[in-house]
Amino acid sequence: MKFNRQFSIDGREIGQDCPVYIIAEAGVAHFGSIDKAFKLVDLARQSGADAVKFQIFQVDELIAAESKEWRERLATRCLPHEDFYKIQSYCREQGITFFATAHDEASLEFLSKLDVPAYKIGSGEVDNWPFLAKVASLGKPVIFSTGMYTLAKVEEALNAIAETGNKDIALLHCITNYPAPADEINLRSIAELHKRFEVITGYSDHTRGIHFPLAAVALGAKIIEKHITLDYNIPNAQDWKVSCSWDDLPQLVEQAREIEKGLGTGAIGVSNTEMDNLAWARKSLVSAVDLKKGDILSTDKIICKRPGTGIAPSQLHSVIGKKINKHLAADTVIHWQDLE
């Protein structure tokens, strides 16, 4: 099955020839507070992100009883489903797209009632192909992260989605570690996934700082996902270690936009602004000594200097042996009209 090379989320085109789509991953950084959730929305919108994404789950539905530590840890980072009506409404008021990752069947059912414009599937659903198919069957664009996936697993996931008929799919290269070490990031996987599966690809970042997401933009990522936070140094939490906040999320968005402008078309030529600089930046043939009318030019009488307002050095062979038709003082730019 061929997947679409472009699709739309909330009226924003994503994919080939489109600006990179920047998702501010609020995740569970609200730590159970709806007020913090609203502030995370503010952070995403004021920084210029295209969307803010949360994670929705119910602890009893997500984690088995034997994982007591994880149940206790995530219980403090869970918002009731009803709160997400308010968060979605607030996002609409603020003019930023809202969607979410549902981590269990009940939360997916709830999320479908919110009529979100897209769905995100986390890396933890690797091998959970029935769940991927259920998400894709809802008929909205699906973005899924490939942390902990092998190439064969990516293919299996796409096959499961393809059977639903949903063609609006994007893969996010991801390393599931908090923070992920530089020598494991492997950003070239973004292009490799695109080449192998002919699908929109991007990058979900789990590193400190903003340099790897920016590098991903330069390498062709069409979607960037970066965690955001209001709080740091939180015990038994990991997302804050790889998150942006007010001091660096605006930089990430601004610099990503600059980089994508700088990628250009690949055509080789003189840019418009360079044309203005040719006169002073390049060199011309210049008299090395005083020249009298009738002197014949030779290589020892010519040097190359700025500005580039005279004869180009590449034309030296056409100038040697010609006569000067007027007196030229040493260190004077030579023009064609100076020659017989």
C-alpha atoms as a PDB file:
ATOM      1  CA  MET A   1       0.000   0.000   0.000  1.00  0.00           C
ATOM      2  CA  LYS A   2       1.204   3.469  -0.881  1.00  0.00           C
ATOM      3  CA  PHE A   3       0.845   6.019   1.889  1.00  0.00           C
ATOM      4  CA  ASN A   4       0.046   9.657   1.198  1.00  0.00           C
ATOM      5  CA  ARG A   5       2.981  12.009   0.704  1.00  0.00           C
ATOM      6  CA  GLN A   6       0.957  14.786   2.317  1.00  0.00           C
ATOM      7  CA  PHE A   7      -1.924  14.932   4.728  1.00  0.00           C
ATOM      8  CA  SER A   8      -3.664  17.611   6.753  1.00  0.00           C
ATOM      9  CA  ILE A   9      -4.023  18.015  10.512  1.00  0.00           C
ATOM     10  CA  ASP A  10      -6.489  20.689  11.564  1.00  0.00           C
ATOM     11  CA  GLY A  11      -6.044  22.459   8.221  1.00  0.00           C
ATOM     12  CA  ARG A  12      -2.242  22.362   8.300  1.00  0.00           C
ATOM     13  CA  GLU A  13      -0.590  20.461   5.442  1.00  0.00           C
ATOM     14  CA  ILE A  14       2.192  18.098   6.478  1.00  0.00           C
ATOM     15  CA  GLY A  15       4.694  16.192   4.391  1.00  0.00           C
ATOM     16  CA  GLN A  16       6.517  16.741   1.138  1.00  0.00           C
ATOM     17  CA  ASP A  17       7.111  20.409   0.280  1.00  0.00           C
ATOM     18  CA  CYS A  18       5.459  21.503   3.548  1.00  0.00           C
ATOM     19  CA  PRO A  19       6.983  23.340   6.517  1.00  0.00           C
ATOM     20  CA  VAL A  20       8.106  21.052   9.312  1.00  0.00           C
ATOM     21  CA  TYR A  21       5.275  20.300  11.734  1.00  0.00           C
ATOM     22  CA  ILE A  22       6.357  21.011  15.311  1.00  0.00           C
ATOM     23  CA  ILE A  23       4.610  19.158  18.129  1.00  0.00           C
ATOM     24  CA  ALA A  24       5.122  20.332  21.702  1.00  0.00           C
ATOM     25  CA  GLU A  25       4.814  17.122  23.694  1.00  0.00           C
ATOM     26  CA  ALA A  26       3.203  18.101  27.003  1.00  0.00           C
ATOM     27  CA  GLY A  27       2.772  14.425  27.819  1.00  0.00           C
ATOM     28  CA  VAL A  28       2.270  14.070  31.566  1.00  0.00           C
ATOM     29  CA  ALA A  29       4.185  17.227  32.517  1.00  0.00           C
ATOM     30  CA  HIS A  30       1.020  18.580  34.125  1.00  0.00           C
ATOM     31  CA  PHE A  31       1.621  16.140  37.027  1.00  0.00           C
ATOM     32  CA  GLY A  32      -2.111  15.822  37.582  1.00  0.00           C
ATOM     33  CA  SER A  33      -2.861  19.570  37.604  1.00  0.00           C
ATOM     34  CA  ILE A  34      -5.200  21.011  35.000  1.00  0.00           C
ATOM     35  CA  ASP A  35      -3.837  24.489  35.737  1.00  0.00           C
ATOM     36  CA  LYS A  36      -0.380  23.268  34.745  1.00  0.00           C
ATOM     37  CA  ALA A  37      -1.913  21.686  31.658  1.00  0.00           C
ATOM     38  CA  PHE A  38      -3.257  25.100  30.642  1.00  0.00           C
ATOM     39  CA  LYS A  39       0.190  26.634  31.209  1.00  0.00           C
ATOM     40  CA  LEU A  40       1.760  23.962  29.011  1.00  0.00           C
ATOM     41  CA  VAL A  41      -0.696  24.954  26.291  1.00  0.00           C
ATOM     42  CA  ASP A  42       0.388  28.575  26.749  1.00  0.00           C
ATOM     43  CA  LEU A  43       4.044  27.555  26.458  1.00  0.00           C
ATOM     44  CA  ALA A  44       3.424  25.663  23.229  1.00  0.00           C
ATOM     45  CA  ARG A  45       1.299  28.354  21.615  1.00  0.00           C
ATOM     46  CA  GLN A  46       3.448  31.329  22.584  1.00  0.00           C
ATOM     47  CA  SER A  47       6.561  29.513  21.380  1.00  0.00           C
ATOM     48  CA  GLY A  48       5.038  29.022  17.939  1.00  0.00           C
ATOM     49  CA  ALA A  49       4.535  25.243  17.950  1.00  0.00           C
ATOM     50  CA  ASP A  50       1.928  23.867  15.552  1.00  0.00           C
ATOM     51  CA  ALA A  51       0.341  21.535  18.082  1.00  0.00           C
ATOM     52  CA  VAL A  52       0.402  20.570  21.730  1.00  0.00           C
ATOM     53  CA  LYS A  53       0.021  16.897  22.560  1.00  0.00           C
ATOM     54  CA  PHE A  54      -0.880  15.192  25.813  1.00  0.00           C
ATOM     55  CA  GLN A  55      -0.933  11.580  26.987  1.00  0.00           C
ATOM     56  CA  ILE A  56      -4.196  10.072  28.159  1.00  0.00           C
ATOM     57  CA  PHE A  57      -4.452   6.903  30.216  1.00  0.00           C
ATOM     58  CA  GLN A  58      -6.100   5.225  33.165  1.00  0.00           C
ATOM     59  CA  VAL A  59      -3.619   3.545  35.477  1.00  0.00           C
ATOM     60  CA  ASP A  60      -5.761   0.454  36.081  1.00  0.00           C
ATOM     61  CA  GLU A  61      -6.243  -0.026  32.338  1.00  0.00           C
ATOM     62  CA  LEU A  62      -2.599   0.574  31.451  1.00  0.00           C
ATOM     63  CA  ILE A  63      -0.529  -1.222  34.101  1.00  0.00           C
ATOM     64  CA  ALA A  64      -0.969  -4.673  35.605  1.00  0.00           C
ATOM     65  CA  ALA A  65      -1.182  -5.050  39.375  1.00  0.00           C
ATOM     66  CA  GLU A  66       2.262  -6.615  39.645  1.00  0.00           C
ATOM     67  CA  SER A  67       3.913  -3.345  38.557  1.00  0.00           C
ATOM     68  CA  LYS A  68       3.092  -1.566  41.778  1.00  0.00           C
ATOM     69  CA  GLU A  69       5.903   0.998  41.517  1.00  0.00           C
ATOM     70  CA  TRP A  70       4.834   2.139  38.044  1.00  0.00           C
ATOM     71  CA  ARG A  71       1.187   2.265  39.081  1.00  0.00           C
ATOM     72  CA  GLU A  72       2.061   4.543  41.991  1.00  0.00           C
ATOM     73  CA  ARG A  73       4.363   6.674  39.859  1.00  0.00           C
ATOM     74  CA  LEU A  74       1.872   7.283  37.063  1.00  0.00           C
ATOM     75  CA  ALA A  75      -1.102   7.761  39.353  1.00  0.00           C
ATOM     76  CA  THR A  76       0.218  11.232  40.191  1.00  0.00           C
ATOM     77  CA  ARG A  77       0.512  12.113  36.476  1.00  0.00           C
ATOM     78  CA  CYS A  78      -2.965  11.221  35.427  1.00  0.00           C
ATOM     79  CA  LEU A  79      -5.823  13.595  34.664  1.00  0.00           C
ATOM     80  CA  PRO A  80      -9.430  12.423  34.559  1.00  0.00           C
ATOM     81  CA  HIS A  81     -10.837  12.104  31.086  1.00  0.00           C
ATOM     82  CA  GLU A  82     -13.268  14.947  31.713  1.00  0.00           C
ATOM     83  CA  ASP A  83     -10.421  17.421  32.146  1.00  0.00           C
ATOM     84  CA  PHE A  84      -9.374  16.925  28.556  1.00  0.00           C
ATOM     85  CA  TYR A  85     -12.634  18.468  27.354  1.00  0.00           C
ATOM     86  CA  LYS A  86     -11.485  21.616  29.122  1.00  0.00           C
ATOM     87  CA  ILE A  87      -7.945  21.363  27.760  1.00  0.00           C
ATOM     88  CA  GLN A  88      -9.225  20.850  24.221  1.00  0.00           C
ATOM     89  CA  SER A  89     -11.541  23.838  24.588  1.00  0.00           C
ATOM     90  CA  TYR A  90      -8.699  25.969  25.915  1.00  0.00           C
ATOM     91  CA  CYS A  91      -6.513  24.982  22.964  1.00  0.00           C
ATOM     92  CA  ARG A  92      -9.246  26.104  20.581  1.00  0.00           C
ATOM     93  CA  GLU A  93      -9.493  29.443  22.393  1.00  0.00           C
ATOM     94  CA  GLN A  94      -5.720  29.886  22.153  1.00  0.00           C
ATOM     95  CA  GLY A  95      -5.543  28.866  18.505  1.00  0.00           C
ATOM     96  CA  ILE A  96      -3.336  25.792  18.765  1.00  0.00           C
ATOM     97  CA  THR A  97      -4.087  22.239  17.651  1.00  0.00           C
ATOM     98  CA  PHE A  98      -4.755  19.677  20.381  1.00  0.00           C
ATOM     99  CA  PHE A  99      -4.364  15.941  20.099  1.00  0.00           C
ATOM    100  CA  ALA A 100      -3.096  13.141  22.295  1.00  0.00           C
ATOM    101  CA  THR A 101      -1.621   9.691  22.726  1.00  0.00           C
ATOM    102  CA  ALA A 102      -4.086   7.217  24.182  1.00  0.00           C
ATOM    103  CA  HIS A 103      -2.289   4.462  26.093  1.00  0.00           C
ATOM    104  CA  ASP A 104      -5.203   2.108  26.702  1.00  0.00           C
ATOM    105  CA  GLU A 105      -8.406   1.020  24.997  1.00  0.00           C
ATOM    106  CA  ALA A 106     -10.724   3.007  27.261  1.00  0.00           C
ATOM    107  CA  SER A 107      -8.708   6.187  26.726  1.00  0.00           C
ATOM    108  CA  LEU A 108      -8.714   5.624  22.962  1.00  0.00           C
ATOM    109  CA  GLU A 109     -12.483   5.312  23.019  1.00  0.00           C
ATOM    110  CA  PHE A 110     -12.711   8.548  24.989  1.00  0.00           C
ATOM    111  CA  LEU A 111     -10.278  10.301  22.666  1.00  0.00           C
ATOM    112  CA  SER A 112     -12.361   9.350  19.654  1.00  0.00           C
ATOM    113  CA  LYS A 113     -15.316  11.134  21.268  1.00  0.00           C
ATOM    114  CA  LEU A 114     -13.211  14.305  21.451  1.00  0.00           C
ATOM    115  CA  ASP A 115     -12.964  14.180  17.661  1.00  0.00           C
ATOM    116  CA  VAL A 116      -9.267  15.042  17.650  1.00  0.00           C
ATOM    117  CA  PRO A 117      -7.769  15.838  14.218  1.00  0.00           C
ATOM    118  CA  ALA A 118      -5.023  13.187  14.526  1.00  0.00           C
ATOM    119  CA  TYR A 119      -3.780  10.390  16.740  1.00  0.00           C
ATOM    120  CA  LYS A 120      -0.304   9.745  18.115  1.00  0.00           C
ATOM    121  CA  ILE A 121       0.847   6.251  19.008  1.00  0.00           C
ATOM    122  CA  GLY A 122       3.771   5.901  21.396  1.00  0.00           C
ATOM    123  CA  SER A 123       6.728   3.582  20.984  1.00  0.00           C
ATOM    124  CA  GLY A 124       5.421   1.364  23.781  1.00  0.00           C
ATOM    125  CA  GLU A 125       2.842  -0.116  21.407  1.00  0.00           C
ATOM    126  CA  VAL A 126       5.530  -2.040  19.500  1.00  0.00           C
ATOM    127  CA  ASP A 127       4.101  -5.508  18.728  1.00  0.00           C
ATOM    128  CA  ASN A 128       0.612  -4.302  19.691  1.00  0.00           C
ATOM    129  CA  TRP A 129      -0.573  -4.375  16.100  1.00  0.00           C
ATOM    130  CA  PRO A 130      -4.277  -4.791  16.925  1.00  0.00           C
ATOM    131  CA  PHE A 131      -4.144  -1.510  18.839  1.00  0.00           C
ATOM    132  CA  LEU A 132      -2.363   0.257  15.961  1.00  0.00           C
ATOM    133  CA  ALA A 133      -5.006  -1.042  13.585  1.00  0.00           C
ATOM    134  CA  LYS A 134      -7.789   0.130  15.892  1.00  0.00           C
ATOM    135  CA  VAL A 135      -6.305   3.636  16.009  1.00  0.00           C
ATOM    136  CA  ALA A 136      -5.820   3.748  12.244  1.00  0.00           C
ATOM    137  CA  SER A 137      -9.378   2.508  11.636  1.00  0.00           C
ATOM    138  CA  LEU A 138     -10.720   5.693  13.243  1.00  0.00           C
ATOM    139  CA  GLY A 139      -9.943   7.410   9.949  1.00  0.00           C
ATOM    140  CA  LYS A 140      -7.721  10.239  11.155  1.00  0.00           C
ATOM    141  CA  PRO A 141      -4.017  10.827  10.435  1.00  0.00           C
ATOM    142  CA  VAL A 142      -1.796   8.629  12.574  1.00  0.00           C
ATOM    143  CA  ILE A 143       1.705   9.483  13.758  1.00  0.00           C
ATOM    144  CA  PHE A 144       3.641   6.759  15.497  1.00  0.00           C
ATOM    145  CA  SER A 145       7.053   6.637  17.117  1.00  0.00           C
ATOM    146  CA  THR A 146       9.466   3.812  16.348  1.00  0.00           C
ATOM    147  CA  GLY A 147      11.508   3.679  19.537  1.00  0.00           C
ATOM    148  CA  MET A 148      12.518   0.061  20.328  1.00  0.00           C
ATOM    149  CA  TYR A 149      11.445  -1.032  16.827  1.00  0.00           C
ATOM    150  CA  THR A 150      13.508  -3.108  14.449  1.00  0.00           C
ATOM    151  CA  LEU A 151      13.119  -2.476  10.735  1.00  0.00           C
ATOM    152  CA  ALA A 152      11.053  -5.647  10.484  1.00  0.00           C
ATOM    153  CA  LYS A 153       8.762  -4.402  13.258  1.00  0.00           C
ATOM    154  CA  VAL A 154       8.235  -1.107  11.441  1.00  0.00           C
ATOM    155  CA  GLU A 155       7.132  -3.067   8.395  1.00  0.00           C
ATOM    156  CA  GLU A 156       4.756  -5.187  10.472  1.00  0.00           C
ATOM    157  CA  ALA A 157       3.248  -2.062  12.017  1.00  0.00           C
ATOM    158  CA  LEU A 158       2.714  -0.446   8.639  1.00  0.00           C
ATOM    159  CA  ASN A 159       1.157  -3.622   7.280  1.00  0.00           C
ATOM    160  CA  ALA A 160      -1.289  -3.693  10.177  1.00  0.00           C
ATOM    161  CA  ILE A 161      -2.219  -0.076   9.502  1.00  0.00           C
ATOM    162  CA  ALA A 162      -2.400  -0.568   5.741  1.00  0.00           C
ATOM    163  CA  GLU A 163      -5.065  -3.226   6.173  1.00  0.00           C
ATOM    164  CA  THR A 164      -7.370  -0.543   7.588  1.00  0.00           C
ATOM    165  CA  GLY A 165      -7.082   1.507   4.406  1.00  0.00           C
ATOM    166  CA  ASN A 166      -5.728   4.561   6.245  1.00  0.00           C
ATOM    167  CA  LYS A 167      -3.098   6.235   4.052  1.00  0.00           C
ATOM    168  CA  ASP A 168      -2.407   9.254   6.274  1.00  0.00           C
ATOM    169  CA  ILE A 169       0.521   7.858   8.237  1.00  0.00           C
ATOM    170  CA  ALA A 170       3.799   9.295   9.530  1.00  0.00           C
ATOM    171  CA  LEU A 171       6.723   7.579  11.243  1.00  0.00           C
ATOM    172  CA  LEU A 172       8.828   9.312  13.868  1.00  0.00           C
ATOM    173  CA  HIS A 173      12.318   7.965  14.390  1.00  0.00           C
ATOM    174  CA  CYS A 174      12.835   7.755  18.143  1.00  0.00           C
ATOM    175  CA  ILE A 175      15.260   6.404  20.732  1.00  0.00           C
ATOM    176  CA  THR A 176      13.429   5.416  23.910  1.00  0.00           C
ATOM    177  CA  ASN A 177      15.875   6.567  26.534  1.00  0.00           C
ATOM    178  CA  TYR A 178      15.748   9.614  28.816  1.00  0.00           C
ATOM    179  CA  PRO A 179      18.098  11.145  27.871  1.00  0.00           C
ATOM    180  CA  ALA A 180      19.228   9.247  24.793  1.00  0.00           C
ATOM    181  CA  PRO A 181      23.029   9.280  24.292  1.00  0.00           C
ATOM    182  CA  ALA A 182      24.386  11.037  21.221  1.00  0.00           C
ATOM    183  CA  ASP A 183      26.017   7.940  19.773  1.00  0.00           C
ATOM    184  CA  GLU A 184      22.651   6.165  19.634  1.00  0.00           C
ATOM    185  CA  ILE A 185      20.541   8.927  18.052  1.00  0.00           C
ATOM    186  CA  ASN A 186      21.197   7.807  14.459  1.00  0.00           C
ATOM    187  CA  LEU A 187      19.378  10.648  12.728  1.00  0.00           C
ATOM    188  CA  ARG A 188      20.079   9.138   9.313  1.00  0.00           C
ATOM    189  CA  SER A 189      17.281   6.696  10.141  1.00  0.00           C
ATOM    190  CA  ILE A 190      14.807   9.451   9.252  1.00  0.00           C
ATOM    191  CA  ALA A 191      15.812   9.378   5.604  1.00  0.00           C
ATOM    192  CA  GLU A 192      16.197   5.596   5.607  1.00  0.00           C
ATOM    193  CA  LEU A 193      12.639   5.068   6.853  1.00  0.00           C
ATOM    194  CA  HIS A 194      11.349   7.452   4.204  1.00  0.00           C
ATOM    195  CA  LYS A 195      13.294   5.679   1.470  1.00  0.00           C
ATOM    196  CA  ARG A 196      12.283   2.155   2.470  1.00  0.00           C
ATOM    197  CA  PHE A 197       8.609   2.728   3.173  1.00  0.00           C
ATOM    198  CA  GLU A 198       7.788   5.845   1.110  1.00  0.00           C
ATOM    199  CA  VAL A 199       6.043   7.428   4.061  1.00  0.00           C
ATOM    200  CA  ILE A 200       6.241  10.794   5.788  1.00  0.00           C
ATOM    201  CA  THR A 201       8.985  10.650   8.402  1.00  0.00           C
ATOM    202  CA  GLY A 202      10.103  12.791  11.305  1.00  0.00           C
ATOM    203  CA  TYR A 203      11.800  12.673  14.675  1.00  0.00           C
ATOM    204  CA  SER A 204      10.603  12.353  18.263  1.00  0.00           C
ATOM    205  CA  ASP A 205      13.387  13.686  20.457  1.00  0.00           C
ATOM    206  CA  HIS A 206      14.606  12.373  23.801  1.00  0.00           C
ATOM    207  CA  THR A 207      17.846  14.338  24.157  1.00  0.00           C
ATOM    208  CA  ARG A 208      18.924  17.301  26.229  1.00  0.00           C
ATOM    209  CA  GLY A 209      18.898  20.615  24.388  1.00  0.00           C
ATOM    210  CA  ILE A 210      17.587  21.496  20.956  1.00  0.00           C
ATOM    211  CA  HIS A 211      20.482  20.658  18.638  1.00  0.00           C
ATOM    212  CA  PHE A 212      19.333  17.177  17.634  1.00  0.00           C
ATOM    213  CA  PRO A 213      15.793  18.258  16.642  1.00  0.00           C
ATOM    214  CA  LEU A 214      17.318  21.083  14.609  1.00  0.00           C
ATOM    215  CA  ALA A 215      19.708  18.657  12.936  1.00  0.00           C
ATOM    216  CA  ALA A 216      16.721  16.445  12.129  1.00  0.00           C
ATOM    217  CA  VAL A 217      15.056  19.355  10.336  1.00  0.00           C
ATOM    218  CA  ALA A 218      18.187  19.803   8.233  1.00  0.00           C
ATOM    219  CA  LEU A 219      18.135  16.084   7.424  1.00  0.00           C
ATOM    220  CA  GLY A 220      14.597  16.222   6.099  1.00  0.00           C
ATOM    221  CA  ALA A 221      12.297  15.502   9.055  1.00  0.00           C
ATOM    222  CA  LYS A 222       8.761  16.651   8.259  1.00  0.00           C
ATOM    223  CA  ILE A 223       7.538  16.361  11.851  1.00  0.00           C
ATOM    224  CA  ILE A 224       9.434  17.213  15.031  1.00  0.00           C
ATOM    225  CA  GLU A 225       8.199  16.248  18.471  1.00  0.00           C
ATOM    226  CA  LYS A 226       9.872  17.713  21.558  1.00  0.00           C
ATOM    227  CA  HIS A 227       8.862  17.311  25.187  1.00  0.00           C
ATOM    228  CA  ILE A 228       8.005  20.458  27.138  1.00  0.00           C
ATOM    229  CA  THR A 229       7.900  21.069  30.877  1.00  0.00           C
ATOM    230  CA  LEU A 230       7.276  23.667  33.544  1.00  0.00           C
ATOM    231  CA  ASP A 231       9.200  21.813  36.257  1.00  0.00           C
ATOM    232  CA  TYR A 232      12.647  20.289  36.616  1.00  0.00           C
ATOM    233  CA  ASN A 233      14.386  17.935  39.041  1.00  0.00           C
ATOM    234  CA  ILE A 234      11.229  15.959  39.724  1.00  0.00           C
ATOM    235  CA  PRO A 235      11.861  12.666  41.591  1.00  0.00           C
ATOM    236  CA  ASN A 236      10.819   9.494  39.757  1.00  0.00           C
ATOM    237  CA  ALA A 237      10.192  11.421  36.546  1.00  0.00           C
ATOM    238  CA  GLN A 238      12.107  11.273  33.303  1.00  0.00           C
ATOM    239  CA  ASP A 239      10.504  13.525  30.699  1.00  0.00           C
ATOM    240  CA  TRP A 240      11.815  16.764  32.243  1.00  0.00           C
ATOM    241  CA  LYS A 241      15.374  15.623  31.498  1.00  0.00           C
ATOM    242  CA  VAL A 242      14.695  15.884  27.767  1.00  0.00           C
ATOM    243  CA  SER A 243      12.261  18.800  27.769  1.00  0.00           C
ATOM    244  CA  CYS A 244      12.194  22.392  26.611  1.00  0.00           C
ATOM    245  CA  SER A 245      10.577  25.233  28.504  1.00  0.00           C
ATOM    246  CA  TRP A 246      10.152  28.995  28.168  1.00  0.00           C
ATOM    247  CA  ASP A 247      13.867  29.598  27.724  1.00  0.00           C
ATOM    248  CA  ASP A 248      14.504  27.277  24.775  1.00  0.00           C
ATOM    249  CA  LEU A 249      11.254  26.135  23.112  1.00  0.00           C
ATOM    250  CA  PRO A 250      10.867  29.504  21.312  1.00  0.00           C
ATOM    251  CA  GLN A 251      14.461  29.129  20.099  1.00  0.00           C
ATOM    252  CA  LEU A 252      13.772  25.642  18.809  1.00  0.00           C
ATOM    253  CA  VAL A 253      10.758  26.775  16.818  1.00  0.00           C
ATOM    254  CA  GLU A 254      12.422  29.924  15.467  1.00  0.00           C
ATOM    255  CA  GLN A 255      15.634  28.172  14.481  1.00  0.00           C
ATOM    256  CA  ALA A 256      13.772  25.259  12.897  1.00  0.00           C
ATOM    257  CA  ARG A 257      11.930  27.742  10.681  1.00  0.00           C
ATOM    258  CA  GLU A 258      15.217  29.412   9.747  1.00  0.00           C
ATOM    259  CA  ILE A 259      16.825  26.087   8.904  1.00  0.00           C
ATOM    260  CA  GLU A 260      14.005  24.963   6.659  1.00  0.00           C
ATOM    261  CA  LYS A 261      14.167  28.272   4.803  1.00  0.00           C
ATOM    262  CA  GLY A 262      17.892  27.728   4.424  1.00  0.00           C
ATOM    263  CA  LEU A 263      17.496  24.295   2.873  1.00  0.00           C
ATOM    264  CA  GLY A 264      16.419  25.836  -0.422  1.00  0.00           C
ATOM    265  CA  THR A 265      15.885  23.896  -3.645  1.00  0.00           C
ATOM    266  CA  GLY A 266      19.366  22.552  -4.253  1.00  0.00           C
ATOM    267  CA  ALA A 267      19.760  24.607  -7.441  1.00  0.00           C
ATOM    268  CA  ILE A 268      23.269  25.988  -7.861  1.00  0.00           C
ATOM    269  CA  GLY A 269      23.618  29.648  -8.809  1.00  0.00           C
ATOM    270  CA  VAL A 270      24.197  33.196  -7.619  1.00  0.00           C
ATOM    271  CA  SER A 271      21.576  34.325  -5.127  1.00  0.00           C
ATOM    272  CA  ASN A 272      19.883  37.705  -5.325  1.00  0.00           C
ATOM    273  CA  THR A 273      21.814  39.100  -2.387  1.00  0.00           C
ATOM    274  CA  GLU A 274      25.087  37.730  -3.752  1.00  0.00           C
ATOM    275  CA  MET A 275      24.580  39.695  -6.968  1.00  0.00           C
ATOM    276  CA  ASP A 276      24.895  42.875  -4.939  1.00  0.00           C
ATOM    277  CA  ASN A 277      28.217  41.692  -3.519  1.00  0.00           C
ATOM    278  CA  LEU A 278      29.913  40.632  -6.722  1.00  0.00           C
ATOM    279  CA  ALA A 279      31.324  44.106  -7.359  1.00  0.00           C
ATOM    280  CA  TRP A 280      33.315  44.280  -4.114  1.00  0.00           C
ATOM    281  CA  ALA A 281      33.953  40.627  -3.369  1.00  0.00           C
ATOM    282  CA  ARG A 282      35.473  39.346  -6.607  1.00  0.00           C
ATOM    283  CA  LYS A 283      38.689  40.581  -8.221  1.00  0.00           C
ATOM    284  CA  SER A 284      39.676  42.391 -11.405  1.00  0.00           C
ATOM    285  CA  LEU A 285      42.821  42.732 -13.475  1.00  0.00           C
ATOM    286  CA  VAL A 286      44.822  45.692 -12.105  1.00  0.00           C
ATOM    287  CA  SER A 287      47.945  47.467 -13.385  1.00  0.00           C
ATOM    288  CA  ALA A 288      50.993  46.343 -11.418  1.00  0.00           C
ATOM    289  CA  VAL A 289      53.095  49.282 -12.724  1.00  0.00           C
ATOM    290  CA  ASP A 290      52.551  52.645 -14.413  1.00  0.00           C
ATOM    291  CA  LEU A 291      51.373  51.989 -17.968  1.00  0.00           C
ATOM    292  CA  LYS A 292      51.820  54.397 -20.892  1.00  0.00           C
ATOM    293  CA  LYS A 293      49.691  54.616 -23.968  1.00  0.00           C
ATOM    294  CA  GLY A 294      50.877  51.940 -26.387  1.00  0.00           C
ATOM    295  CA  ASP A 295      52.389  49.621 -23.754  1.00  0.00           C
ATOM    296  CA  ILE A 296      51.740  45.960 -24.454  1.00  0.00           C
ATOM    297  CA  LEU A 297      50.328  44.046 -21.552  1.00  0.00           C
ATOM    298  CA  SER A 298      52.235  41.084 -20.144  1.00  0.00           C
ATOM    299  CA  THR A 299      51.796  38.998 -17.032  1.00  0.00           C
ATOM    300  CA  ASP A 300      54.404  40.979 -15.095  1.00  0.00           C
ATOM    301  CA  LYS A 301      52.393  44.160 -15.637  1.00  0.00           C
ATOM    302  CA  ILE A 302      49.126  42.795 -14.283  1.00  0.00           C
ATOM    303  CA  ILE A 303      47.963  41.729 -10.840  1.00  0.00           C
ATOM    304  CA  CYS A 304      44.546  40.680  -9.447  1.00  0.00           C
ATOM    305  CA  LYS A 305      42.823  42.781  -6.805  1.00  0.00           C
ATOM    306  CA  ARG A 306      39.421  43.826  -5.623  1.00  0.00           C
ATOM    307  CA  PRO A 307      37.000  45.315  -6.565  1.00  0.00           C
ATOM    308  CA  GLY A 308      35.374  43.256  -9.309  1.00  0.00           C
ATOM    309  CA  THR A 309      34.351  46.215 -11.456  1.00  0.00           C
ATOM    310  CA  GLY A 310      36.909  45.582 -14.192  1.00  0.00           C
ATOM    311  CA  ILE A 311      38.054  42.671 -16.344  1.00  0.00           C
ATOM    312  CA  ALA A 312      37.713  39.299 -14.602  1.00  0.00           C
ATOM    313  CA  PRO A 313      40.953  37.352 -13.953  1.00  0.00           C
ATOM    314  CA  SER A 314      39.496  34.498 -16.008  1.00  0.00           C
ATOM    315  CA  GLN A 315      39.975  36.752 -19.095  1.00  0.00           C
ATOM    316  CA  LEU A 316      43.729  37.201 -18.553  1.00  0.00           C
ATOM    317  CA  HIS A 317      44.512  35.148 -21.663  1.00  0.00           C
ATOM    318  CA  SER A 318      42.449  37.569 -23.772  1.00  0.00           C
ATOM    319  CA  VAL A 319      44.249  40.605 -22.344  1.00  0.00           C
ATOM    320  CA  ILE A 320      47.892  39.535 -22.686  1.00  0.00           C
ATOM    321  CA  GLY A 321      49.451  41.090 -25.801  1.00  0.00           C
ATOM    322  CA  LYS A 322      46.929  43.910 -26.134  1.00  0.00           C
ATOM    323  CA  LYS A 323      47.928  47.582 -26.117  1.00  0.00           C
ATOM    324  CA  ILE A 324      46.913  50.158 -23.543  1.00  0.00           C
ATOM    325  CA  ASN A 325      45.187  53.124 -25.243  1.00  0.00           C
ATOM    326  CA  LYS A 326      45.825  55.637 -22.427  1.00  0.00           C
ATOM    327  CA  HIS A 327      48.011  56.217 -19.409  1.00  0.00           C
ATOM    328  CA  LEU A 328      47.127  54.057 -16.393  1.00  0.00           C
ATOM    329  CA  ALA A 329      48.778  54.657 -13.057  1.00  0.00           C
ATOM    330  CA  ALA A 330      49.933  51.661 -11.054  1.00  0.00           C
ATOM    331  CA  ASP A 331      47.200  49.973  -8.989  1.00  0.00           C
ATOM    332  CA  THR A 332      44.404  50.968 -11.407  1.00  0.00           C
ATOM    333  CA  VAL A 333      41.570  48.620 -12.338  1.00  0.00           C
ATOM    334  CA  ILE A 334      41.766  47.780 -16.069  1.00  0.00           C
ATOM    335  CA  HIS A 335      38.612  47.944 -18.189  1.00  0.00           C
ATOM    336  CA  TRP A 336      38.005  46.695 -21.737  1.00  0.00           C
ATOM    337  CA  GLN A 337      37.713  50.279 -22.977  1.00  0.00           C
ATOM    338  CA  ASP A 338      41.318  50.835 -21.829  1.00  0.00           C
ATOM    339  CA  LEU A 339      42.556  48.387 -24.465  1.00  0.00           C
ATOM    340  CA  GLU A 340      43.010  48.683 -28.208  1.00  0.00           C
END
